[in-house]
Amino acid sequence: MPSYDLSRLSAIAKGLEPIQRECMITLALKIADDSCKMDDYERSVFMQLYDAMQVYQSDFFDEDIFSLIVQTRQSPSAQLFAKIKPLRQAGMDYVGRPKMKAFKAHVRHELTQEI
């Protein structure tokens, strides 16, 4: 298991470009509805990155996506998962698998860099 420097999460979150924010929102949806294949530690790291984002805006998703993520994290249910599924699928179609993989690799790299 990699050792991440979690003190860097805030700086990484501040530096996210618009497409990277779309990746993060899509990933948060995947984690919230338990469709993400990452292990629990990585899920928690990426959700901490999501929580560290100071700019909760999206060029793709409606603004209510953020409250849906909060609601699902607080009270996961089949009904909320059903709401999330088409949104996360649309997010993945918008972002694309290569950009999502590149985003996750970038974050992992930033969290393991030597100072």
N, C-alpha and C. Protein backbone atom coordinates (compact mmCIF):
# COMPACT_ATOMS: atom_id res chain seq x y z
N MET A 1 0.85 -1.19 0.00
CA MET A 1 0.00 0.00 0.00
C MET A 1 0.89 1.24 0.00
N PRO A 2 0.59 2.19 -0.88
CA PRO A 2 1.42 3.39 -0.93
C PRO A 2 1.25 4.23 0.33
N SER A 3 2.26 5.00 0.62
CA SER A 3 2.20 5.92 1.75
C SER A 3 2.00 7.32 1.18
N TYR A 4 0.86 7.89 1.44
CA TYR A 4 0.53 9.21 0.90
C TYR A 4 0.77 10.30 1.93
N ASP A 5 1.22 11.44 1.45
CA ASP A 5 1.37 12.62 2.29
C ASP A 5 0.06 13.40 2.21
N LEU A 6 -0.82 13.13 3.16
CA LEU A 6 -2.16 13.72 3.13
C LEU A 6 -2.16 15.21 3.42
N SER A 7 -1.04 15.73 3.91
CA SER A 7 -0.96 17.18 4.15
C SER A 7 -0.98 17.95 2.83
N ARG A 8 -0.81 17.26 1.72
CA ARG A 8 -0.81 17.92 0.40
C ARG A 8 -2.20 18.02 -0.22
N LEU A 9 -3.19 17.39 0.39
CA LEU A 9 -4.51 17.35 -0.22
C LEU A 9 -5.09 18.73 -0.50
N SER A 10 -4.94 19.64 0.43
CA SER A 10 -5.49 20.99 0.25
C SER A 10 -4.87 21.68 -0.95
N ALA A 11 -3.55 21.60 -1.07
CA ALA A 11 -2.85 22.24 -2.20
C ALA A 11 -3.26 21.59 -3.52
N ILE A 12 -3.39 20.27 -3.53
CA ILE A 12 -3.81 19.58 -4.75
C ILE A 12 -5.22 20.03 -5.13
N ALA A 13 -6.10 20.07 -4.13
CA ALA A 13 -7.49 20.47 -4.39
C ALA A 13 -7.57 21.89 -4.96
N LYS A 14 -6.77 22.79 -4.41
CA LYS A 14 -6.77 24.18 -4.91
C LYS A 14 -6.30 24.26 -6.35
N GLY A 15 -5.41 23.36 -6.75
CA GLY A 15 -4.83 23.41 -8.08
C GLY A 15 -5.59 22.62 -9.15
N LEU A 16 -6.73 22.05 -8.79
CA LEU A 16 -7.47 21.25 -9.76
C LEU A 16 -7.97 22.11 -10.92
N GLU A 17 -7.71 21.65 -12.13
CA GLU A 17 -8.23 22.31 -13.32
C GLU A 17 -9.69 21.88 -13.50
N PRO A 18 -10.46 22.61 -14.33
CA PRO A 18 -11.87 22.27 -14.49
C PRO A 18 -12.13 20.80 -14.84
N ILE A 19 -11.40 20.23 -15.77
CA ILE A 19 -11.65 18.82 -16.13
C ILE A 19 -11.28 17.90 -14.98
N GLN A 20 -10.29 18.28 -14.18
CA GLN A 20 -9.93 17.48 -13.02
C GLN A 20 -11.02 17.54 -11.95
N ARG A 21 -11.68 18.70 -11.83
CA ARG A 21 -12.83 18.79 -10.91
C ARG A 21 -13.96 17.86 -11.37
N GLU A 22 -14.18 17.80 -12.69
CA GLU A 22 -15.21 16.89 -13.21
C GLU A 22 -14.84 15.44 -12.90
N CYS A 23 -13.55 15.13 -13.02
CA CYS A 23 -13.07 13.78 -12.65
C CYS A 23 -13.34 13.52 -11.17
N MET A 24 -13.03 14.51 -10.33
CA MET A 24 -13.19 14.33 -8.88
C MET A 24 -14.66 14.16 -8.52
N ILE A 25 -15.54 14.93 -9.14
CA ILE A 25 -16.97 14.81 -8.86
C ILE A 25 -17.48 13.44 -9.31
N THR A 26 -17.06 13.01 -10.49
CA THR A 26 -17.46 11.70 -11.00
C THR A 26 -16.95 10.59 -10.08
N LEU A 27 -15.71 10.73 -9.64
CA LEU A 27 -15.13 9.74 -8.74
C LEU A 27 -15.87 9.74 -7.40
N ALA A 28 -16.24 10.92 -6.91
CA ALA A 28 -17.02 11.00 -5.66
C ALA A 28 -18.36 10.28 -5.81
N LEU A 29 -18.98 10.39 -6.98
CA LEU A 29 -20.22 9.68 -7.24
C LEU A 29 -19.99 8.17 -7.20
N LYS A 30 -18.89 7.73 -7.83
CA LYS A 30 -18.56 6.30 -7.86
C LYS A 30 -18.29 5.77 -6.45
N ILE A 31 -17.62 6.56 -5.65
CA ILE A 31 -17.33 6.15 -4.27
C ILE A 31 -18.62 6.16 -3.44
N ALA A 32 -19.43 7.20 -3.62
CA ALA A 32 -20.66 7.32 -2.83
C ALA A 32 -21.63 6.17 -3.09
N ASP A 33 -21.70 5.70 -4.34
CA ASP A 33 -22.65 4.61 -4.62
C ASP A 33 -21.98 3.24 -4.61
N ASP A 34 -20.75 3.20 -4.14
CA ASP A 34 -20.00 1.96 -3.94
C ASP A 34 -19.72 1.19 -5.23
N SER A 35 -19.59 1.93 -6.35
CA SER A 35 -19.24 1.28 -7.62
C SER A 35 -17.76 1.44 -7.95
N CYS A 36 -17.04 2.14 -7.10
CA CYS A 36 -15.60 2.37 -7.30
C CYS A 36 -14.83 1.12 -6.89
N LYS A 37 -13.82 0.77 -7.67
CA LYS A 37 -13.05 -0.44 -7.41
C LYS A 37 -11.80 -0.22 -6.56
N MET A 38 -11.55 1.01 -6.15
CA MET A 38 -10.39 1.28 -5.30
C MET A 38 -10.60 0.64 -3.93
N ASP A 39 -9.48 0.40 -3.23
CA ASP A 39 -9.60 -0.13 -1.87
C ASP A 39 -10.09 0.98 -0.93
N ASP A 40 -10.45 0.60 0.28
CA ASP A 40 -11.04 1.56 1.23
C ASP A 40 -10.11 2.72 1.54
N TYR A 41 -8.81 2.45 1.66
CA TYR A 41 -7.86 3.52 1.97
C TYR A 41 -7.85 4.55 0.84
N GLU A 42 -7.73 4.10 -0.40
CA GLU A 42 -7.70 5.04 -1.52
C GLU A 42 -9.03 5.78 -1.65
N ARG A 43 -10.12 5.09 -1.41
CA ARG A 43 -11.42 5.77 -1.44
C ARG A 43 -11.43 6.91 -0.44
N SER A 44 -10.94 6.63 0.77
CA SER A 44 -10.94 7.67 1.80
C SER A 44 -10.03 8.83 1.42
N VAL A 45 -8.89 8.53 0.80
CA VAL A 45 -7.97 9.60 0.38
C VAL A 45 -8.63 10.48 -0.68
N PHE A 46 -9.24 9.86 -1.67
CA PHE A 46 -9.87 10.65 -2.73
C PHE A 46 -11.09 11.41 -2.22
N MET A 47 -11.81 10.87 -1.25
CA MET A 47 -12.93 11.63 -0.69
C MET A 47 -12.42 12.79 0.18
N GLN A 48 -11.26 12.61 0.81
CA GLN A 48 -10.67 13.74 1.53
C GLN A 48 -10.27 14.83 0.54
N LEU A 49 -9.79 14.43 -0.63
CA LEU A 49 -9.46 15.41 -1.67
C LEU A 49 -10.73 16.11 -2.13
N TYR A 50 -11.80 15.36 -2.33
CA TYR A 50 -13.09 15.96 -2.71
C TYR A 50 -13.52 16.97 -1.64
N ASP A 51 -13.43 16.58 -0.38
CA ASP A 51 -13.82 17.46 0.72
C ASP A 51 -12.95 18.71 0.79
N ALA A 52 -11.71 18.60 0.33
CA ALA A 52 -10.78 19.74 0.37
C ALA A 52 -11.01 20.73 -0.77
N MET A 53 -11.80 20.34 -1.76
CA MET A 53 -12.07 21.26 -2.86
C MET A 53 -12.78 22.50 -2.32
N GLN A 54 -12.27 23.65 -2.65
CA GLN A 54 -12.92 24.88 -2.19
C GLN A 54 -13.89 25.40 -3.24
N VAL A 55 -13.72 24.97 -4.46
CA VAL A 55 -14.59 25.40 -5.54
C VAL A 55 -15.48 24.22 -5.90
N TYR A 56 -16.73 24.28 -5.44
CA TYR A 56 -17.69 23.24 -5.80
C TYR A 56 -18.53 23.78 -6.95
N GLN A 57 -17.96 23.65 -8.13
CA GLN A 57 -18.68 24.05 -9.33
C GLN A 57 -18.35 23.06 -10.42
N SER A 58 -19.25 22.98 -11.38
CA SER A 58 -19.08 22.03 -12.45
C SER A 58 -19.59 22.63 -13.74
N ASP A 59 -18.86 22.35 -14.81
CA ASP A 59 -19.32 22.76 -16.13
C ASP A 59 -20.25 21.71 -16.72
N PHE A 60 -20.27 20.53 -16.13
CA PHE A 60 -21.05 19.42 -16.67
C PHE A 60 -22.27 19.09 -15.82
N PHE A 61 -22.07 18.93 -14.52
CA PHE A 61 -23.16 18.53 -13.63
C PHE A 61 -23.95 19.74 -13.15
N ASP A 62 -25.24 19.51 -12.83
CA ASP A 62 -26.05 20.54 -12.20
C ASP A 62 -25.54 20.77 -10.79
N GLU A 63 -25.83 21.93 -10.25
CA GLU A 63 -25.34 22.29 -8.92
C GLU A 63 -25.83 21.35 -7.82
N ASP A 64 -26.99 20.72 -8.00
CA ASP A 64 -27.53 19.84 -6.96
C ASP A 64 -26.75 18.54 -6.82
N ILE A 65 -25.77 18.30 -7.68
CA ILE A 65 -24.95 17.09 -7.59
C ILE A 65 -24.21 17.04 -6.25
N PHE A 66 -23.81 18.20 -5.77
CA PHE A 66 -23.02 18.25 -4.53
C PHE A 66 -23.87 17.85 -3.32
N SER A 67 -25.12 18.30 -3.28
CA SER A 67 -25.99 17.89 -2.17
C SER A 67 -26.35 16.41 -2.29
N LEU A 68 -26.46 15.89 -3.50
CA LEU A 68 -26.73 14.45 -3.69
C LEU A 68 -25.57 13.62 -3.15
N ILE A 69 -24.34 14.06 -3.38
CA ILE A 69 -23.17 13.34 -2.86
C ILE A 69 -23.18 13.36 -1.33
N VAL A 70 -23.45 14.52 -0.75
CA VAL A 70 -23.52 14.64 0.71
C VAL A 70 -24.60 13.73 1.26
N GLN A 71 -25.77 13.80 0.67
CA GLN A 71 -26.91 13.00 1.14
C GLN A 71 -26.58 11.50 1.07
N THR A 72 -25.95 11.07 -0.01
CA THR A 72 -25.63 9.65 -0.18
C THR A 72 -24.56 9.21 0.80
N ARG A 73 -23.60 10.08 1.06
CA ARG A 73 -22.56 9.74 2.03
C ARG A 73 -23.14 9.61 3.43
N GLN A 74 -24.11 10.45 3.75
CA GLN A 74 -24.70 10.44 5.09
C GLN A 74 -25.69 9.30 5.29
N SER A 75 -26.48 9.02 4.26
CA SER A 75 -27.53 8.01 4.37
C SER A 75 -27.64 7.21 3.07
N PRO A 76 -26.66 6.35 2.81
CA PRO A 76 -26.69 5.58 1.56
C PRO A 76 -27.96 4.72 1.48
N SER A 77 -28.54 4.70 0.29
CA SER A 77 -29.74 3.88 0.08
C SER A 77 -29.84 3.49 -1.38
N ALA A 78 -30.60 2.46 -1.64
CA ALA A 78 -30.80 2.00 -3.02
C ALA A 78 -31.44 3.11 -3.85
N GLN A 79 -32.31 3.90 -3.25
CA GLN A 79 -32.97 4.99 -3.97
C GLN A 79 -31.94 6.04 -4.41
N LEU A 80 -31.03 6.39 -3.53
CA LEU A 80 -30.00 7.38 -3.89
C LEU A 80 -29.01 6.78 -4.89
N PHE A 81 -28.65 5.51 -4.71
CA PHE A 81 -27.76 4.86 -5.68
C PHE A 81 -28.38 4.89 -7.07
N ALA A 82 -29.70 4.69 -7.13
CA ALA A 82 -30.40 4.72 -8.42
C ALA A 82 -30.35 6.11 -9.05
N LYS A 83 -30.35 7.15 -8.23
CA LYS A 83 -30.23 8.52 -8.74
C LYS A 83 -28.80 8.77 -9.25
N ILE A 84 -27.83 8.24 -8.53
CA ILE A 84 -26.43 8.47 -8.86
C ILE A 84 -26.00 7.74 -10.13
N LYS A 85 -26.48 6.52 -10.30
CA LYS A 85 -25.97 5.67 -11.40
C LYS A 85 -25.97 6.37 -12.75
N PRO A 86 -27.08 6.95 -13.22
CA PRO A 86 -27.02 7.59 -14.54
C PRO A 86 -26.13 8.84 -14.55
N LEU A 87 -26.01 9.49 -13.41
CA LEU A 87 -25.16 10.68 -13.33
C LEU A 87 -23.68 10.30 -13.42
N ARG A 88 -23.28 9.26 -12.69
CA ARG A 88 -21.87 8.85 -12.75
C ARG A 88 -21.53 8.28 -14.12
N GLN A 89 -22.49 7.57 -14.75
CA GLN A 89 -22.26 7.05 -16.10
C GLN A 89 -22.09 8.19 -17.09
N ALA A 90 -22.93 9.21 -16.95
CA ALA A 90 -22.81 10.39 -17.82
C ALA A 90 -21.47 11.10 -17.57
N GLY A 91 -21.08 11.18 -16.29
CA GLY A 91 -19.80 11.79 -15.95
C GLY A 91 -18.63 11.03 -16.56
N MET A 92 -18.69 9.71 -16.51
CA MET A 92 -17.61 8.90 -17.11
C MET A 92 -17.59 9.07 -18.63
N ASP A 93 -18.77 9.16 -19.24
CA ASP A 93 -18.82 9.39 -20.69
C ASP A 93 -18.22 10.75 -21.03
N TYR A 94 -18.50 11.74 -20.20
CA TYR A 94 -18.00 13.10 -20.43
C TYR A 94 -16.48 13.17 -20.23
N VAL A 95 -16.02 12.62 -19.12
CA VAL A 95 -14.60 12.67 -18.77
C VAL A 95 -13.79 11.70 -19.63
N GLY A 96 -14.27 10.49 -19.73
CA GLY A 96 -13.56 9.44 -20.47
C GLY A 96 -12.59 8.70 -19.56
N ARG A 97 -12.46 7.42 -19.82
CA ARG A 97 -11.60 6.56 -19.01
C ARG A 97 -10.13 7.03 -19.01
N PRO A 98 -9.55 7.42 -20.15
CA PRO A 98 -8.14 7.86 -20.14
C PRO A 98 -7.90 9.08 -19.24
N LYS A 99 -8.80 10.05 -19.28
CA LYS A 99 -8.63 11.25 -18.43
C LYS A 99 -8.81 10.90 -16.97
N MET A 100 -9.76 9.99 -16.67
CA MET A 100 -9.97 9.59 -15.29
C MET A 100 -8.73 8.86 -14.76
N LYS A 101 -8.19 7.95 -15.54
CA LYS A 101 -6.98 7.23 -15.11
C LYS A 101 -5.82 8.21 -14.92
N ALA A 102 -5.68 9.16 -15.83
CA ALA A 102 -4.61 10.16 -15.73
C ALA A 102 -4.79 11.03 -14.48
N PHE A 103 -6.03 11.39 -14.18
CA PHE A 103 -6.31 12.19 -12.98
C PHE A 103 -5.90 11.44 -11.72
N LYS A 104 -6.32 10.18 -11.60
CA LYS A 104 -5.98 9.40 -10.41
C LYS A 104 -4.47 9.20 -10.31
N ALA A 105 -3.81 8.96 -11.42
CA ALA A 105 -2.35 8.80 -11.41
C ALA A 105 -1.67 10.10 -10.98
N HIS A 106 -2.19 11.23 -11.46
CA HIS A 106 -1.63 12.54 -11.10
C HIS A 106 -1.75 12.77 -9.59
N VAL A 107 -2.91 12.50 -9.04
CA VAL A 107 -3.12 12.70 -7.60
C VAL A 107 -2.20 11.78 -6.80
N ARG A 108 -2.14 10.54 -7.18
CA ARG A 108 -1.25 9.59 -6.48
C ARG A 108 0.20 10.06 -6.54
N HIS A 109 0.62 10.52 -7.70
CA HIS A 109 1.99 11.02 -7.87
C HIS A 109 2.24 12.23 -6.96
N GLU A 110 1.29 13.16 -6.94
CA GLU A 110 1.44 14.35 -6.10
C GLU A 110 1.50 14.00 -4.61
N LEU A 111 0.81 12.96 -4.23
CA LEU A 111 0.78 12.57 -2.81
C LEU A 111 2.01 11.77 -2.38
N THR A 112 2.81 11.32 -3.35
CA THR A 112 3.99 10.52 -3.01
C THR A 112 5.30 11.22 -3.36
N GLN A 113 5.23 12.42 -3.88
CA GLN A 113 6.44 13.15 -4.28
C GLN A 113 7.29 13.50 -3.06
N GLU A 114 8.58 13.41 -3.25
CA GLU A 114 9.51 13.90 -2.22
C GLU A 114 9.55 15.42 -2.29
N ILE A 115 9.70 16.04 -1.17
CA ILE A 115 9.75 17.51 -1.14
C ILE A 115 11.15 17.98 -1.47
